[in-house]
Structure formats: structure tokens, C-alpha cells
Amino acid sequence: MQILLHPFAGSIQQYDQEIADPSRYRPDHCPQCQAAWGLTAHGFYRRTLVDAGFDGSIRVRRYLCRFCRRTVSLLPQFALPYLRFSVTVMALFLMARLRDGHSLVAAAALAGLPSMPYQRGQFWVRRFRKQAVALCAALAALTAPVAASSFIERALHMLEAIGWITAHRFLFADLRFHLLGWPAFLAPDGRIATVQPATPPA
């Protein structure tokens, strides 16, 4: 399965109504085999999402390529692949924790997550810190780096200047770069990679 971002910026309720039309945002080619106009509607899958004022599941539109027989999913641009919380919620939390110096509990409350587990906040902070240098390098294509005391602070400034969702859209769509870094078991393009050993000649 290949993940693309659905270019929708309205409310979650509006998004759910809009994806009912499979032709409205249908990609004009398969991102895997590059065949033009070969994608047919292939239903939905459901995933959970936590956003401001919303905690539930959303539908994600799927397409099937008639040529390579692989699926393509249109994940809304306000959601991050493989993570339950929206880009906006994570941005509010990380800005409160890393820029403003709030405790994990206070940062979670400022992000609208009064009952967020402590471990999840630590997980986000750890992954963002690990990504900071790469984020600064990647985002330099969109905005000039600013003087800062650390790459973490610089990355936060750049994300705020660009807009977190705009930055996420650029990083993911153009670079296959996850805002918080891909999980260790996934390749940079978001798919499990396996390498077959060379077979010695007989």
C-alpha cells in the first residue's frame, strides 16, 4: 500500500462528507507503477484519530491500480502515518514542551489532552529531538534557517514559520519524510523493505 495525502483542510466532519465522492481527489496516476488513469475506487479503511474536539475513527479512501494491482490510500493531511494524534495536537504539545518549557503534563493539557499518558509525551519528544537536524536540512527548501541555540529550537521556529501541516505535506509528499521519523521497522517510503540475499551461481 502506498500512502498519499488528501489535500483537505476543513473540519473532520466536512472531510468525512467530501470523501464520499471517489472521483473528486482521485490521483491521475499510480504512484507505484506510474500508470495514468488506472486507479479505481476500492472502498475505505478506518483509522483512529485524536484532534481538537474529536476522538474517534475516520474513513480513509482507498484506490486500486488496475495495472500493478496495488492499493493507494489518501490519508488526510492533518493526520500522520502510523500515529493516532493529529499534526495540530502534536504541534501544540511539542511547542509547549520544547519551546515554552512546560512540563509534560502541562504541555499535554495545553494541547487539549488532559489524560495523555506520560510515556506518549516522552515518545514524541524523543522522536522529535532525534529528527531535528534532518528537519532543519529538509525545511531549508521552504524557509531560511534562523539563528537558534539548538537544532531543536531551529526546527520548531521553521515549522512555525511554514505551518506544521504545510511542512508535513511537503516533507511527506515530496520527500517521503515523516515529521517525527519513520518507525524503525519501516523504510523511508513507509513500506516494509526486504532484501533478498544474492544466490550464488550453480
Protein backbone atom coordinates (compact mmCIF):
# COMPACT_ATOMS: atom_id res chain seq x y z
CA MET A 1 0.00 0.00 0.00
CA GLN A 2 1.21 3.48 -0.89
CA ILE A 3 0.04 6.45 1.20
CA LEU A 4 -0.70 9.83 -0.40
CA LEU A 5 -2.03 12.91 1.37
CA HIS A 6 -5.59 14.07 0.78
CA PRO A 7 -5.49 17.85 0.15
CA PHE A 8 -8.29 18.71 2.56
CA ALA A 9 -8.05 21.38 5.24
CA GLY A 10 -11.60 21.67 6.60
CA SER A 11 -13.15 20.05 9.66
CA ILE A 12 -13.12 16.31 10.21
CA GLN A 13 -16.90 16.21 9.71
CA GLN A 14 -16.55 18.01 6.34
CA TYR A 15 -13.75 15.66 5.35
CA ASP A 16 -15.92 12.63 6.01
CA GLN A 17 -18.66 14.02 3.75
CA GLU A 18 -16.27 15.02 0.98
CA ILE A 19 -14.53 11.68 0.54
CA ALA A 20 -17.86 10.09 -0.39
CA ASP A 21 -17.15 11.15 -4.00
CA PRO A 22 -14.33 8.85 -5.20
CA SER A 23 -13.55 11.00 -8.25
CA ARG A 24 -13.04 14.33 -6.53
CA TYR A 25 -9.44 13.78 -5.41
CA ARG A 26 -8.59 10.64 -7.38
CA PRO A 27 -4.87 10.76 -8.31
CA ASP A 28 -4.28 10.95 -12.06
CA HIS A 29 -1.62 8.23 -11.96
CA CYS A 30 -0.48 5.36 -9.79
CA PRO A 31 2.41 6.49 -7.57
CA GLN A 32 3.87 2.97 -7.67
CA CYS A 33 3.83 1.95 -11.35
CA GLN A 34 3.16 5.47 -12.74
CA ALA A 35 0.31 4.22 -14.97
CA ALA A 36 -2.02 7.07 -15.93
CA TRP A 37 -5.70 6.96 -15.01
CA GLY A 38 -5.56 3.40 -13.75
CA LEU A 39 -6.91 3.93 -10.23
CA THR A 40 -10.38 2.69 -9.36
CA ALA A 41 -12.23 3.30 -6.09
CA HIS A 42 -11.53 0.45 -3.66
CA GLY A 43 -13.57 1.35 -0.59
CA PHE A 44 -12.18 2.65 2.69
CA TYR A 45 -10.30 1.61 5.77
CA ARG A 46 -10.87 3.09 9.19
CA ARG A 47 -8.24 4.55 11.50
CA THR A 48 -8.44 6.31 14.82
CA LEU A 49 -7.67 9.99 15.16
CA VAL A 50 -7.47 12.40 18.09
CA ASP A 51 -7.79 16.08 17.23
CA ALA A 52 -9.15 19.18 18.97
CA GLY A 53 -12.73 18.27 19.89
CA PHE A 54 -12.58 14.88 18.14
CA ASP A 55 -11.60 11.42 19.36
CA GLY A 56 -12.84 8.64 17.15
CA SER A 57 -12.30 6.89 13.85
CA ILE A 58 -12.26 8.32 10.35
CA ARG A 59 -12.55 6.72 6.93
CA VAL A 60 -9.56 6.78 4.59
CA ARG A 61 -10.30 6.48 0.87
CA ARG A 62 -8.51 3.67 -0.99
CA TYR A 63 -7.88 3.10 -4.69
CA LEU A 64 -6.70 0.02 -6.56
CA CYS A 65 -4.40 0.27 -9.57
CA ARG A 66 -5.75 -1.81 -12.46
CA PHE A 67 -2.22 -2.31 -13.80
CA CYS A 68 0.04 -3.20 -10.86
CA ARG A 69 -2.84 -4.35 -8.56
CA ARG A 70 -1.52 -2.41 -5.57
CA THR A 71 -3.55 -0.08 -3.40
CA VAL A 72 -3.19 3.64 -2.78
CA SER A 73 -4.65 5.35 0.29
CA LEU A 74 -5.47 9.05 0.62
CA LEU A 75 -4.66 9.95 4.22
CA PRO A 76 -5.98 13.41 5.22
CA GLN A 77 -3.17 15.95 5.51
CA PHE A 78 -3.99 16.67 9.15
CA ALA A 79 -3.08 13.07 10.12
CA LEU A 80 0.35 11.48 10.45
CA PRO A 81 1.01 7.99 9.10
CA TYR A 82 1.05 5.33 11.82
CA LEU A 83 0.32 7.79 14.65
CA ARG A 84 -3.09 8.30 16.24
CA PHE A 85 -2.86 12.01 17.07
CA SER A 86 -3.29 14.83 14.56
CA VAL A 87 -0.49 17.10 13.34
CA THR A 88 -2.11 20.05 15.15
CA VAL A 89 -2.26 18.28 18.51
CA MET A 90 1.36 17.16 18.26
CA ALA A 91 2.45 20.66 17.21
CA LEU A 92 0.74 22.25 20.21
CA PHE A 93 2.29 19.71 22.56
CA LEU A 94 5.83 19.97 21.16
CA MET A 95 5.77 23.78 21.09
CA ALA A 96 4.58 23.89 24.71
CA ARG A 97 7.10 21.32 25.89
CA LEU A 98 10.24 22.12 23.86
CA ARG A 99 9.87 25.83 23.12
CA ASP A 100 8.00 27.09 26.16
CA GLY A 101 9.47 24.67 28.70
CA HIS A 102 6.20 23.38 30.18
CA SER A 103 6.13 20.04 31.96
CA LEU A 104 4.82 17.05 30.06
CA VAL A 105 1.53 17.20 31.95
CA ALA A 106 1.08 20.95 31.34
CA ALA A 107 2.08 20.64 27.67
CA ALA A 108 -0.47 17.86 27.18
CA ALA A 109 -3.19 19.99 28.79
CA LEU A 110 -2.29 22.95 26.53
CA ALA A 111 -2.60 20.63 23.54
CA GLY A 112 -6.08 19.64 24.71
CA LEU A 113 -5.00 16.23 26.03
CA PRO A 114 -5.59 16.28 29.79
CA SER A 115 -5.38 12.49 30.12
CA MET A 116 -2.47 11.74 27.78
CA PRO A 117 -0.08 9.09 29.17
CA TYR A 118 3.31 10.36 30.26
CA GLN A 119 5.08 7.78 28.07
CA ARG A 120 3.43 9.07 24.90
CA GLY A 121 4.68 12.60 25.53
CA GLN A 122 8.19 11.28 26.13
CA PHE A 123 7.95 9.27 22.91
CA TRP A 124 7.01 12.33 20.84
CA VAL A 125 9.76 14.46 22.41
CA ARG A 126 12.39 11.78 21.90
CA ARG A 127 11.47 11.25 18.25
CA PHE A 128 11.34 14.97 17.52
CA ARG A 129 14.76 15.56 19.10
CA LYS A 130 16.19 12.75 17.01
CA GLN A 131 14.70 14.30 13.85
CA ALA A 132 15.67 17.94 14.49
CA VAL A 133 18.82 18.10 12.37
CA ALA A 134 17.20 16.33 9.41
CA LEU A 135 14.10 18.54 9.71
CA CYS A 136 16.22 21.72 9.56
CA ALA A 137 18.00 20.47 6.46
CA ALA A 138 14.79 19.41 4.70
CA LEU A 139 12.79 22.52 5.58
CA ALA A 140 15.54 24.85 4.32
CA ALA A 141 13.87 24.37 0.90
CA LEU A 142 10.82 26.27 2.22
CA THR A 143 12.21 28.86 4.63
CA ALA A 144 15.56 30.27 5.66
CA PRO A 145 17.01 28.71 8.83
CA VAL A 146 17.00 31.06 11.81
CA ALA A 147 19.70 31.60 14.40
CA ALA A 148 18.93 29.38 17.37
CA SER A 149 20.70 27.82 20.32
CA SER A 150 19.97 24.26 19.13
CA PHE A 151 18.67 22.35 16.13
CA ILE A 152 15.53 21.57 18.14
CA GLU A 153 14.75 25.25 18.61
CA ARG A 154 15.60 25.97 14.97
CA ALA A 155 13.33 23.19 13.71
CA LEU A 156 10.46 24.48 15.86
CA HIS A 157 10.92 28.02 14.51
CA MET A 158 10.98 26.76 10.94
CA LEU A 159 7.88 24.61 11.42
CA GLU A 160 6.01 27.51 12.98
CA ALA A 161 7.04 29.86 10.15
CA ILE A 162 5.95 27.41 7.44
CA GLY A 163 2.94 25.96 9.26
CA TRP A 164 3.06 22.43 10.64
CA ILE A 165 0.53 20.95 8.21
CA THR A 166 2.13 22.68 5.21
CA ALA A 167 5.53 21.39 6.32
CA HIS A 168 4.14 17.89 6.87
CA ARG A 169 2.57 17.93 3.39
CA PHE A 170 5.91 18.96 1.80
CA LEU A 171 8.01 16.53 3.82
CA PHE A 172 5.75 13.56 3.23
CA ALA A 173 4.57 14.15 -0.34
CA ASP A 174 7.88 15.31 -1.82
CA LEU A 175 10.50 13.60 0.36
CA ARG A 176 8.65 10.63 1.93
CA PHE A 177 9.91 12.06 5.19
CA HIS A 178 7.86 11.50 8.37
CA LEU A 179 7.55 14.55 10.63
CA LEU A 180 8.52 12.50 13.70
CA GLY A 181 10.60 9.92 11.84
CA TRP A 182 9.57 6.55 10.48
CA PRO A 183 9.26 3.69 12.95
CA ALA A 184 12.38 1.54 12.95
CA PHE A 185 10.68 -1.33 11.10
CA LEU A 186 9.62 0.83 8.13
CA ALA A 187 11.66 2.01 5.16
CA PRO A 188 11.76 5.77 4.40
CA ASP A 189 8.92 5.47 1.90
CA GLY A 190 6.64 3.94 4.50
CA ARG A 191 6.70 0.36 3.30
CA ILE A 192 8.36 -2.68 4.81
CA ALA A 193 11.56 -3.38 2.91
CA THR A 194 13.07 -6.81 2.43
CA VAL A 195 16.31 -7.52 0.63
CA GLN A 196 16.78 -10.94 -0.89
CA PRO A 197 20.25 -12.47 -0.45
CA ALA A 198 22.25 -12.98 -3.62
CA THR A 199 22.06 -16.53 -4.96
CA PRO A 200 25.48 -17.94 -5.82
CA PRO A 201 25.78 -19.32 -9.36
CA ALA A 202 25.31 -23.08 -9.67
